[in-house]
Amino acid sequence: MSEQTSGYKPTFTSSGSALRTLRVGKSNPNWQAAAEFLLERAAPDVKLLVEAAAEIERDKVELKTEKRQVPSKRKSKTFYNLSWLQWVALGAGGILLISLVVWIVKNAALRAC
């Protein structure tokens, strides 16, 4: 059962037991309580370090979201999402189609005469 549903909050008697719980990782249901226990008893310098680390992580997340929002330059070089090579192939296909139609009309006219 989780802490929220059962109302149980573990109590740690020493920093060592809280550290052992944290070393297990988030798979241990008491990891958050262990982190809170250690933060409450941490020296001011350690608290400052933890705040700085959290701020750095927030800045990284904000930077990633800003990068996603910036349009890339590659998109501005395409027209209807086609590259220049695709436009060349499309033009060549169009010329072949028109040539085929002209050839068919020309042969139909010759047979009619």
C-alpha atoms as a PDB file:
ATOM      1  CA  MET A   1       0.000   0.000   0.000  1.00  0.00           C
ATOM      2  CA  SER A   2       1.248   3.493  -0.688  1.00  0.00           C
ATOM      3  CA  GLU A   3       1.702   6.194   1.910  1.00  0.00           C
ATOM      4  CA  GLN A   4      -1.282   8.225   0.692  1.00  0.00           C
ATOM      5  CA  THR A   5      -3.840   5.416   0.858  1.00  0.00           C
ATOM      6  CA  SER A   6      -2.766   3.855   4.148  1.00  0.00           C
ATOM      7  CA  GLY A   7      -1.766   7.008   6.020  1.00  0.00           C
ATOM      8  CA  TYR A   8       1.432   5.272   7.166  1.00  0.00           C
ATOM      9  CA  LYS A   9       4.523   7.467   7.237  1.00  0.00           C
ATOM     10  CA  PRO A  10       7.778   5.724   8.081  1.00  0.00           C
ATOM     11  CA  THR A  11       9.988   7.201  10.754  1.00  0.00           C
ATOM     12  CA  PHE A  12      13.734   6.975  10.396  1.00  0.00           C
ATOM     13  CA  THR A  13      15.898   6.787  13.475  1.00  0.00           C
ATOM     14  CA  SER A  14      19.155   7.676  11.764  1.00  0.00           C
ATOM     15  CA  SER A  15      20.513   9.262   8.641  1.00  0.00           C
ATOM     16  CA  GLY A  16      22.102   5.927   7.764  1.00  0.00           C
ATOM     17  CA  SER A  17      18.775   4.122   7.521  1.00  0.00           C
ATOM     18  CA  ALA A  18      17.333   6.955   5.404  1.00  0.00           C
ATOM     19  CA  LEU A  19      20.372   6.831   3.113  1.00  0.00           C
ATOM     20  CA  ARG A  20      20.026   3.073   2.691  1.00  0.00           C
ATOM     21  CA  THR A  21      16.399   3.592   1.690  1.00  0.00           C
ATOM     22  CA  LEU A  22      17.410   6.244  -0.864  1.00  0.00           C
ATOM     23  CA  ARG A  23      20.128   4.037  -2.327  1.00  0.00           C
ATOM     24  CA  VAL A  24      17.513   1.398  -3.136  1.00  0.00           C
ATOM     25  CA  GLY A  25      15.902   3.997  -5.403  1.00  0.00           C
ATOM     26  CA  LYS A  26      12.348   4.911  -6.267  1.00  0.00           C
ATOM     27  CA  SER A  27      11.336   1.270  -6.201  1.00  0.00           C
ATOM     28  CA  ASN A  28      11.287   1.575  -2.403  1.00  0.00           C
ATOM     29  CA  PRO A  29       7.927   3.059  -1.372  1.00  0.00           C
ATOM     30  CA  ASN A  30       9.614   5.011   1.446  1.00  0.00           C
ATOM     31  CA  TRP A  31      12.155   6.866  -0.713  1.00  0.00           C
ATOM     32  CA  GLN A  32      10.282  10.160  -0.551  1.00  0.00           C
ATOM     33  CA  ALA A  33       9.986  10.047   3.236  1.00  0.00           C
ATOM     34  CA  ALA A  34      13.699   9.232   3.476  1.00  0.00           C
ATOM     35  CA  ALA A  35      14.555  12.215   1.277  1.00  0.00           C
ATOM     36  CA  GLU A  36      12.385  14.513   3.412  1.00  0.00           C
ATOM     37  CA  PHE A  37      14.009  13.171   6.601  1.00  0.00           C
ATOM     38  CA  LEU A  38      17.494  13.883   5.256  1.00  0.00           C
ATOM     39  CA  LEU A  39      16.567  17.333   3.940  1.00  0.00           C
ATOM     40  CA  GLU A  40      15.126  18.344   7.307  1.00  0.00           C
ATOM     41  CA  ARG A  41      18.394  17.474   9.019  1.00  0.00           C
ATOM     42  CA  ALA A  42      20.764  18.710   6.308  1.00  0.00           C
ATOM     43  CA  ALA A  43      23.234  21.536   6.804  1.00  0.00           C
ATOM     44  CA  PRO A  44      22.390  24.888   5.176  1.00  0.00           C
ATOM     45  CA  ASP A  45      25.093  24.367   2.547  1.00  0.00           C
ATOM     46  CA  VAL A  46      23.580  21.033   1.550  1.00  0.00           C
ATOM     47  CA  LYS A  47      20.111  22.578   1.330  1.00  0.00           C
ATOM     48  CA  LEU A  48      21.548  25.300  -0.908  1.00  0.00           C
ATOM     49  CA  LEU A  49      23.173  22.663  -3.106  1.00  0.00           C
ATOM     50  CA  VAL A  50      19.879  20.762  -3.417  1.00  0.00           C
ATOM     51  CA  GLU A  51      18.048  23.972  -4.383  1.00  0.00           C
ATOM     52  CA  ALA A  52      20.709  24.768  -6.993  1.00  0.00           C
ATOM     53  CA  ALA A  53      20.459  21.273  -8.465  1.00  0.00           C
ATOM     54  CA  ALA A  54      16.666  21.547  -8.674  1.00  0.00           C
ATOM     55  CA  GLU A  55      16.971  24.940 -10.395  1.00  0.00           C
ATOM     56  CA  ILE A  56      19.449  23.526 -12.915  1.00  0.00           C
ATOM     57  CA  GLU A  57      17.052  20.675 -13.718  1.00  0.00           C
ATOM     58  CA  ARG A  58      14.164  23.138 -14.206  1.00  0.00           C
ATOM     59  CA  ASP A  59      16.335  25.224 -16.549  1.00  0.00           C
ATOM     60  CA  LYS A  60      17.204  22.124 -18.575  1.00  0.00           C
ATOM     61  CA  VAL A  61      13.532  21.215 -18.945  1.00  0.00           C
ATOM     62  CA  GLU A  62      12.642  24.777 -19.991  1.00  0.00           C
ATOM     63  CA  LEU A  63      15.488  24.798 -22.523  1.00  0.00           C
ATOM     64  CA  LYS A  64      14.244  21.528 -24.049  1.00  0.00           C
ATOM     65  CA  THR A  65      10.712  22.884 -24.405  1.00  0.00           C
ATOM     66  CA  GLU A  66      12.048  26.097 -25.985  1.00  0.00           C
ATOM     67  CA  LYS A  67      14.048  24.066 -28.513  1.00  0.00           C
ATOM     68  CA  ARG A  68      10.910  22.161 -29.503  1.00  0.00           C
ATOM     69  CA  GLN A  69       9.039  25.413 -30.115  1.00  0.00           C
ATOM     70  CA  VAL A  70      11.722  27.008 -32.321  1.00  0.00           C
ATOM     71  CA  PRO A  71      10.986  26.201 -35.979  1.00  0.00           C
ATOM     72  CA  SER A  72      13.893  24.637 -37.783  1.00  0.00           C
ATOM     73  CA  LYS A  73      15.509  26.327 -40.767  1.00  0.00           C
ATOM     74  CA  ARG A  74      15.122  23.195 -42.897  1.00  0.00           C
ATOM     75  CA  LYS A  75      11.355  23.667 -43.094  1.00  0.00           C
ATOM     76  CA  SER A  76      11.740  27.119 -44.653  1.00  0.00           C
ATOM     77  CA  LYS A  77      13.617  25.596 -47.633  1.00  0.00           C
ATOM     78  CA  THR A  78      10.736  23.348 -48.614  1.00  0.00           C
ATOM     79  CA  PHE A  79       7.668  24.261 -50.605  1.00  0.00           C
ATOM     80  CA  TYR A  80       4.587  22.165 -49.830  1.00  0.00           C
ATOM     81  CA  ASN A  81       6.909  19.902 -47.812  1.00  0.00           C
ATOM     82  CA  LEU A  82       8.796  18.790 -50.931  1.00  0.00           C
ATOM     83  CA  SER A  83      12.545  19.071 -51.413  1.00  0.00           C
ATOM     84  CA  TRP A  84      14.057  20.320 -54.663  1.00  0.00           C
ATOM     85  CA  LEU A  85      14.818  16.775 -55.803  1.00  0.00           C
ATOM     86  CA  GLN A  86      11.188  15.773 -55.343  1.00  0.00           C
ATOM     87  CA  TRP A  87      10.129  18.822 -57.379  1.00  0.00           C
ATOM     88  CA  VAL A  88      12.527  17.776 -60.194  1.00  0.00           C
ATOM     89  CA  ALA A  89      11.068  14.257 -60.190  1.00  0.00           C
ATOM     90  CA  LEU A  90       7.525  15.669 -60.188  1.00  0.00           C
ATOM     91  CA  GLY A  91       8.370  17.967 -63.123  1.00  0.00           C
ATOM     92  CA  ALA A  92       9.937  15.108 -65.080  1.00  0.00           C
ATOM     93  CA  GLY A  93       6.866  12.968 -64.468  1.00  0.00           C
ATOM     94  CA  GLY A  94       4.632  15.828 -65.658  1.00  0.00           C
ATOM     95  CA  ILE A  95       6.657  16.245 -68.846  1.00  0.00           C
ATOM     96  CA  LEU A  96       6.462  12.494 -69.533  1.00  0.00           C
ATOM     97  CA  LEU A  97       2.684  12.517 -69.003  1.00  0.00           C
ATOM     98  CA  ILE A  98       2.173  15.468 -71.365  1.00  0.00           C
ATOM     99  CA  SER A  99       4.460  13.842 -73.963  1.00  0.00           C
ATOM    100  CA  LEU A 100       2.429  10.640 -73.765  1.00  0.00           C
ATOM    101  CA  VAL A 101      -0.852  12.514 -74.258  1.00  0.00           C
ATOM    102  CA  VAL A 102       0.586  14.405 -77.268  1.00  0.00           C
ATOM    103  CA  TRP A 103       1.852  11.147 -78.792  1.00  0.00           C
ATOM    104  CA  ILE A 104      -1.566   9.474 -78.320  1.00  0.00           C
ATOM    105  CA  VAL A 105      -3.411  12.443 -79.884  1.00  0.00           C
ATOM    106  CA  LYS A 106      -0.915  12.564 -82.785  1.00  0.00           C
ATOM    107  CA  ASN A 107      -1.300   8.828 -83.530  1.00  0.00           C
ATOM    108  CA  ALA A 108      -5.106   9.069 -83.231  1.00  0.00           C
ATOM    109  CA  ALA A 109      -5.125  11.953 -85.724  1.00  0.00           C
ATOM    110  CA  LEU A 110      -2.916  10.053 -88.186  1.00  0.00           C
ATOM    111  CA  ARG A 111      -5.178   6.969 -88.089  1.00  0.00           C
ATOM    112  CA  ALA A 112      -8.271   9.119 -88.589  1.00  0.00           C
ATOM    113  CA  CYS A 113      -6.899  10.559 -91.798  1.00  0.00           C
END
